[in-house]
Amino acid sequence: MEPASFRHDALSRREVLQLLAAGMAGSAVLPALAAAASSADSTADSRHVAARRRIGRIGLQLHTVRSALSKDIEGTIAAVAAAGITELEFAGYYGKPPAWWSALLKRHTLTAPATHEALPVTDDGWPAIFDRAHGMGHEIVIVPSVGNNYRGTRDNWMKLSERLNTGAQKAKAAGLQFAYHNHDFEFAPVGDTTGYEILTANTDASLVKLELDLYWAVKAGRDPLEIMTAHKGRVICCHVKDASAAPERKMLDVGAGTIDFKMLLDKGRKLGLTHWFIEHDQPTDALASVKASVAAMLRY
């Protein structure tokens, strides 16, 4: 039986190496010490991997690095992959066809489950959007924002609701999910309600899913958890970017502000959240912003 001091679970890797270096290990216990060192290494590696994978995956909305992409697509994608990003949400394709993008993403072991596409002028524009999504391997097509003709009044919000219902029906027929992404203007009062409430009440909850921008909800004075709870199973994606304290609510890198992402992501996943994409609308240094946000996400 091994002395208690030589049990594998009682020695750290550092202690094992110190004993070996000091010549304290006789031939009888040398194999045990070697095994302990190996076990300690394995445990440390496992804990490191577990810590890095606690969040499961980390997405990036490519709008964050749009300036860098316009200058060097391949270098930018390599940099975001090296930073720890595992999946992408697109917002434009920079003149490159789906086959070109697919090869680049495969090279960096990246997936692209979602894309932002502007609401087409007419519903005749949906087929081309869905064909592009299929070519890229996207699963979700998200309308990221709309102009003044679709917001501000109840009639405008109802008009948008109708357009989204039609788009979502066509997306389903094409084998795709469909969603709408908010900013803060959706939460502005419209009589005794808000645009967001009109929109969510008048669109098919089984077809028109929601991508909740956590920052813009907080900026508008809303509680993201309340929104996810009220629309359980409908909020399938979120944008992750931080906010400074009220009343300024300046947009910040993840982890640099006041939003409790660990709580929101933990509870959100139980409420139907499946994808979370880091984003910063106006970063001073886009790649530095991505790296800082990834580092914070790895703690969640």
Protein backbone atom coordinates (compact mmCIF):
# COMPACT_ATOMS: atom_id res chain seq x y z
CA MET A 1 0.00 0.00 0.00
CA GLU A 2 1.29 3.44 -0.92
CA PRO A 3 2.12 5.89 1.85
CA ALA A 4 -0.60 8.51 2.19
CA SER A 5 1.77 11.20 0.95
CA PHE A 6 2.21 9.35 -2.34
CA ARG A 7 -1.46 8.81 -3.18
CA HIS A 8 -2.24 10.16 -6.65
CA ASP A 9 -5.09 12.31 -5.39
CA ALA A 10 -2.98 13.82 -2.61
CA LEU A 11 -0.18 15.23 -4.79
CA SER A 12 -0.27 18.17 -7.15
CA ARG A 13 1.79 18.02 -10.30
CA ARG A 14 4.16 20.59 -8.80
CA GLU A 15 4.67 18.47 -5.67
CA VAL A 16 5.39 15.40 -7.76
CA LEU A 17 7.99 17.20 -9.84
CA GLN A 18 9.58 18.70 -6.73
CA LEU A 19 9.95 15.23 -5.20
CA LEU A 20 11.43 13.83 -8.38
CA ALA A 21 13.88 16.72 -8.70
CA ALA A 22 14.99 16.34 -5.08
CA GLY A 23 15.71 12.63 -5.56
CA MET A 24 13.18 11.65 -2.91
CA ALA A 25 11.61 8.98 -5.04
CA GLY A 26 13.05 5.54 -4.60
CA SER A 27 12.59 2.83 -7.19
CA ALA A 28 9.59 1.46 -5.32
CA VAL A 29 7.59 4.65 -5.56
CA LEU A 30 8.93 6.09 -8.80
CA PRO A 31 6.24 4.45 -10.95
CA ALA A 32 3.56 5.76 -8.58
CA LEU A 33 4.99 9.28 -8.79
CA ALA A 34 5.14 9.12 -12.57
CA ALA A 35 1.54 7.97 -12.66
CA ALA A 36 0.60 10.78 -10.28
CA ALA A 37 2.29 13.34 -12.52
CA SER A 38 0.47 11.97 -15.53
CA SER A 39 -2.83 11.97 -13.64
CA ALA A 40 -2.25 15.52 -12.44
CA ASP A 41 -1.48 16.65 -16.01
CA SER A 42 -4.62 14.93 -17.28
CA THR A 43 -6.76 16.46 -14.56
CA ALA A 44 -5.35 19.92 -15.17
CA ASP A 45 -5.91 19.58 -18.92
CA SER A 46 -9.46 18.37 -18.35
CA ARG A 47 -10.22 21.26 -16.05
CA HIS A 48 -8.74 23.69 -18.55
CA VAL A 49 -10.88 22.30 -21.37
CA ALA A 50 -13.97 22.23 -19.16
CA ALA A 51 -13.42 25.85 -18.20
CA ARG A 52 -13.05 26.85 -21.84
CA ARG A 53 -16.14 24.91 -22.84
CA ARG A 54 -18.39 25.91 -19.98
CA ILE A 55 -20.50 28.09 -22.30
CA GLY A 56 -20.53 25.33 -24.93
CA ARG A 57 -19.86 27.58 -27.90
CA ILE A 58 -19.22 31.26 -28.54
CA GLY A 59 -20.69 33.06 -31.52
CA LEU A 60 -19.85 36.35 -33.19
CA GLN A 61 -22.06 38.68 -35.21
CA LEU A 62 -19.72 39.63 -38.06
CA HIS A 63 -21.05 43.20 -38.12
CA THR A 64 -18.57 43.72 -35.27
CA VAL A 65 -15.59 43.19 -37.59
CA ARG A 66 -17.10 44.63 -40.78
CA SER A 67 -14.29 47.15 -41.28
CA ALA A 68 -11.61 44.47 -40.96
CA LEU A 69 -13.54 42.13 -43.26
CA SER A 70 -13.76 44.81 -45.94
CA LYS A 71 -9.95 44.88 -46.02
CA ASP A 72 -8.97 41.26 -45.37
CA ILE A 73 -11.63 38.58 -45.14
CA GLU A 74 -9.36 35.57 -44.72
CA GLY A 75 -7.10 37.19 -42.14
CA THR A 76 -10.06 38.47 -40.13
CA ILE A 77 -11.82 35.12 -40.06
CA ALA A 78 -8.56 33.45 -39.00
CA ALA A 79 -8.18 36.01 -36.21
CA VAL A 80 -11.69 35.57 -34.81
CA ALA A 81 -11.31 31.79 -34.89
CA ALA A 82 -7.99 32.08 -33.05
CA ALA A 83 -9.70 34.28 -30.46
CA GLY A 84 -12.03 31.41 -29.52
CA ILE A 85 -15.08 32.06 -31.68
CA THR A 86 -16.74 28.82 -32.80
CA GLU A 87 -19.77 30.01 -34.79
CA LEU A 88 -20.70 33.03 -36.85
CA GLU A 89 -23.76 35.09 -37.60
CA PHE A 90 -23.42 36.79 -40.96
CA ALA A 91 -24.44 40.30 -42.01
CA GLY A 92 -23.32 40.43 -45.63
CA TYR A 93 -20.99 38.32 -47.77
CA TYR A 94 -18.49 40.84 -49.19
CA GLY A 95 -18.97 39.74 -52.77
CA LYS A 96 -17.93 36.13 -52.11
CA PRO A 97 -20.12 33.15 -53.10
CA PRO A 98 -21.33 30.51 -50.63
CA ALA A 99 -18.84 27.88 -51.85
CA TRP A 100 -15.93 30.24 -51.15
CA TRP A 101 -17.21 31.01 -47.66
CA SER A 102 -17.91 27.36 -46.90
CA ALA A 103 -14.32 26.41 -47.70
CA LEU A 104 -12.96 29.22 -45.53
CA LEU A 105 -15.16 28.33 -42.56
CA LYS A 106 -14.30 24.65 -42.86
CA ARG A 107 -10.59 25.57 -42.78
CA HIS A 108 -11.10 27.26 -39.41
CA THR A 109 -13.63 24.77 -37.99
CA LEU A 110 -16.34 27.43 -37.86
CA THR A 111 -20.08 27.05 -38.38
CA ALA A 112 -22.54 29.72 -39.49
CA PRO A 113 -25.97 28.90 -38.08
CA ALA A 114 -27.54 32.31 -38.62
CA THR A 115 -27.61 35.35 -40.86
CA HIS A 116 -29.09 38.85 -40.85
CA GLU A 117 -31.05 39.78 -43.96
CA ALA A 118 -32.89 43.02 -44.57
CA LEU A 119 -36.64 42.80 -45.05
CA PRO A 120 -37.03 42.62 -48.86
CA VAL A 121 -38.99 45.37 -50.57
CA THR A 122 -41.65 42.83 -51.53
CA ASP A 123 -42.26 39.23 -50.57
CA ASP A 124 -40.97 38.19 -53.98
CA GLY A 125 -37.50 38.80 -52.55
CA TRP A 126 -37.62 35.98 -50.01
CA PRO A 127 -36.69 33.05 -52.32
CA ALA A 128 -33.30 34.56 -53.21
CA ILE A 129 -32.58 35.17 -49.52
CA PHE A 130 -33.47 31.61 -48.59
CA ASP A 131 -31.47 30.14 -51.48
CA ARG A 132 -28.40 32.07 -50.24
CA ALA A 133 -29.01 30.84 -46.70
CA HIS A 134 -29.09 27.23 -47.90
CA GLY A 135 -25.89 27.74 -49.87
CA MET A 136 -24.16 29.08 -46.76
CA GLY A 137 -25.46 26.34 -44.49
CA HIS A 138 -27.46 28.78 -42.36
CA GLU A 139 -30.33 27.46 -40.28
CA ILE A 140 -31.88 30.75 -39.17
CA VAL A 141 -32.68 33.88 -41.19
CA ILE A 142 -33.11 36.96 -39.01
CA VAL A 143 -34.53 40.38 -39.91
CA PRO A 144 -32.22 42.75 -37.99
CA SER A 145 -34.06 46.07 -38.19
CA VAL A 146 -36.68 47.99 -40.16
CA GLY A 147 -37.18 51.54 -41.36
CA ASN A 148 -39.60 54.17 -40.10
CA ASN A 149 -42.35 52.93 -42.42
CA TYR A 150 -42.63 49.83 -40.22
CA ARG A 151 -42.42 51.40 -36.78
CA GLY A 152 -43.75 54.22 -34.61
CA THR A 153 -47.50 53.66 -34.99
CA ARG A 154 -49.77 50.69 -34.36
CA ASP A 155 -50.63 50.50 -38.06
CA ASN A 156 -46.94 50.35 -38.98
CA TRP A 157 -46.21 47.64 -36.45
CA MET A 158 -49.21 45.66 -37.68
CA LYS A 159 -47.92 46.02 -41.25
CA LEU A 160 -44.54 44.69 -40.13
CA SER A 161 -46.20 41.81 -38.29
CA GLU A 162 -47.93 40.78 -41.49
CA ARG A 163 -44.68 40.93 -43.47
CA LEU A 164 -42.87 38.85 -40.86
CA ASN A 165 -45.63 36.24 -40.76
CA THR A 166 -45.41 35.87 -44.54
CA GLY A 167 -41.61 35.66 -44.47
CA ALA A 168 -41.72 33.07 -41.70
CA GLN A 169 -44.22 30.91 -43.59
CA LYS A 170 -42.00 30.97 -46.66
CA ALA A 171 -38.94 30.21 -44.51
CA LYS A 172 -40.66 27.17 -43.03
CA ALA A 173 -41.54 25.94 -46.52
CA ALA A 174 -37.85 26.34 -47.38
CA GLY A 175 -36.79 24.36 -44.32
CA LEU A 176 -35.43 27.34 -42.39
CA GLN A 177 -36.14 29.07 -39.08
CA PHE A 178 -37.04 32.75 -39.09
CA ALA A 179 -36.57 35.42 -36.43
CA TYR A 180 -36.68 39.15 -35.69
CA HIS A 181 -33.91 41.08 -33.91
CA ASN A 182 -34.67 44.09 -31.70
CA HIS A 183 -33.00 47.38 -30.97
CA ASP A 184 -34.40 49.82 -28.41
CA PHE A 185 -37.01 51.54 -30.59
CA GLU A 186 -39.32 48.49 -30.36
CA PHE A 187 -39.85 49.30 -26.67
CA ALA A 188 -40.95 52.90 -27.20
CA PRO A 189 -44.56 53.55 -26.14
CA VAL A 190 -47.30 53.14 -28.71
CA GLY A 191 -50.38 54.30 -26.83
CA ASP A 192 -50.70 52.02 -23.85
CA THR A 193 -48.40 49.36 -25.30
CA THR A 194 -45.11 49.11 -27.23
CA GLY A 195 -44.05 48.11 -30.70
CA TYR A 196 -42.47 44.95 -29.30
CA GLU A 197 -45.71 43.91 -27.64
CA ILE A 198 -47.71 44.58 -30.80
CA LEU A 199 -45.20 42.66 -32.88
CA THR A 200 -44.95 39.62 -30.62
CA ALA A 201 -48.73 39.47 -30.10
CA ASN A 202 -49.52 39.60 -33.81
CA THR A 203 -46.90 37.26 -35.23
CA ASP A 204 -47.06 33.47 -35.16
CA ALA A 205 -45.00 32.45 -32.15
CA SER A 206 -44.31 29.04 -33.68
CA LEU A 207 -42.81 30.60 -36.82
CA VAL A 208 -41.51 34.08 -35.99
CA LYS A 209 -38.82 33.48 -33.40
CA LEU A 210 -36.92 36.21 -31.55
CA GLU A 211 -33.28 37.20 -31.35
CA LEU A 212 -33.03 39.26 -28.19
CA ASP A 213 -30.33 41.91 -28.18
CA LEU A 214 -29.55 42.01 -24.47
CA TYR A 215 -27.84 45.39 -24.64
CA TRP A 216 -30.64 47.17 -26.49
CA ALA A 217 -33.25 45.71 -24.15
CA VAL A 218 -31.30 47.00 -21.14
CA LYS A 219 -30.74 50.33 -22.91
CA ALA A 220 -34.53 50.61 -23.25
CA GLY A 221 -34.98 49.95 -19.52
CA ARG A 222 -36.26 46.42 -19.95
CA ASP A 223 -35.28 43.23 -18.11
CA PRO A 224 -34.02 40.63 -20.64
CA LEU A 225 -34.92 37.76 -18.32
CA GLU A 226 -38.51 38.95 -18.13
CA ILE A 227 -38.65 39.04 -21.92
CA MET A 228 -37.19 35.53 -22.27
CA THR A 229 -39.58 34.24 -19.61
CA ALA A 230 -42.62 35.88 -21.22
CA HIS A 231 -41.63 34.38 -24.58
CA LYS A 232 -40.36 31.03 -23.38
CA GLY A 233 -39.29 28.87 -26.31
CA ARG A 234 -39.45 31.81 -28.70
CA VAL A 235 -36.19 33.63 -27.88
CA ILE A 236 -33.76 31.29 -29.62
CA CYS A 237 -30.80 33.65 -30.11
CA CYS A 238 -29.33 36.65 -28.35
CA HIS A 239 -26.71 39.32 -28.92
CA VAL A 240 -24.20 39.64 -26.12
CA LYS A 241 -22.75 43.09 -25.52
CA ASP A 242 -22.41 44.97 -22.27
CA ALA A 243 -23.79 48.25 -20.95
CA SER A 244 -22.40 50.81 -18.52
CA ALA A 245 -24.48 51.90 -15.55
CA ALA A 246 -27.68 53.93 -15.95
CA PRO A 247 -28.48 56.47 -17.16
CA GLU A 248 -25.76 56.51 -19.84
CA ARG A 249 -25.85 52.80 -20.74
CA LYS A 250 -22.81 53.10 -23.01
CA MET A 251 -22.14 50.02 -25.15
CA LEU A 252 -19.12 48.05 -23.86
CA ASP A 253 -17.28 44.79 -24.44
CA VAL A 254 -18.72 41.78 -22.62
CA GLY A 255 -17.63 41.75 -18.99
CA ALA A 256 -16.81 45.46 -18.88
CA GLY A 257 -20.26 46.64 -17.80
CA THR A 258 -23.26 45.86 -15.65
CA ILE A 259 -25.19 43.07 -17.41
CA ASP A 260 -25.23 39.70 -15.62
CA PHE A 261 -24.54 37.48 -18.61
CA LYS A 262 -23.82 34.36 -16.58
CA MET A 263 -27.29 34.47 -15.06
CA LEU A 264 -28.99 35.42 -18.34
CA LEU A 265 -27.27 32.68 -20.34
CA ASP A 266 -27.79 30.04 -17.66
CA LYS A 267 -31.51 30.81 -17.34
CA GLY A 268 -31.94 31.64 -21.01
CA ARG A 269 -30.78 28.19 -22.08
CA LYS A 270 -33.47 26.68 -19.91
CA LEU A 271 -36.02 28.95 -21.62
CA GLY A 272 -35.06 27.97 -25.17
CA LEU A 273 -31.95 30.00 -25.97
CA THR A 274 -29.70 28.07 -28.37
CA HIS A 275 -27.26 30.63 -29.81
CA TRP A 276 -25.49 33.67 -28.38
CA PHE A 277 -23.47 36.02 -30.54
CA ILE A 278 -20.96 38.57 -29.27
CA GLU A 279 -21.43 41.96 -30.90
CA HIS A 280 -20.19 45.52 -30.59
CA ASP A 281 -21.74 48.05 -32.97
CA GLN A 282 -18.93 50.61 -32.89
CA PRO A 283 -15.74 49.07 -31.44
CA THR A 284 -12.59 51.18 -31.29
CA ASP A 285 -10.52 48.08 -32.12
CA ALA A 286 -12.80 45.32 -33.37
CA LEU A 287 -10.47 42.35 -32.92
CA ALA A 288 -9.39 43.54 -29.47
CA SER A 289 -13.07 43.86 -28.58
CA VAL A 290 -13.75 40.30 -29.76
CA LYS A 291 -10.83 38.93 -27.73
CA ALA A 292 -11.92 40.76 -24.57
CA SER A 293 -15.50 39.58 -24.93
CA VAL A 294 -14.44 35.96 -25.58
CA ALA A 295 -12.25 36.03 -22.46
CA ALA A 296 -15.24 37.19 -20.43
CA MET A 297 -17.56 34.60 -22.01
CA LEU A 298 -15.21 31.79 -21.05
CA ARG A 299 -15.96 32.62 -17.41
CA TYR A 300 -19.68 32.00 -17.95
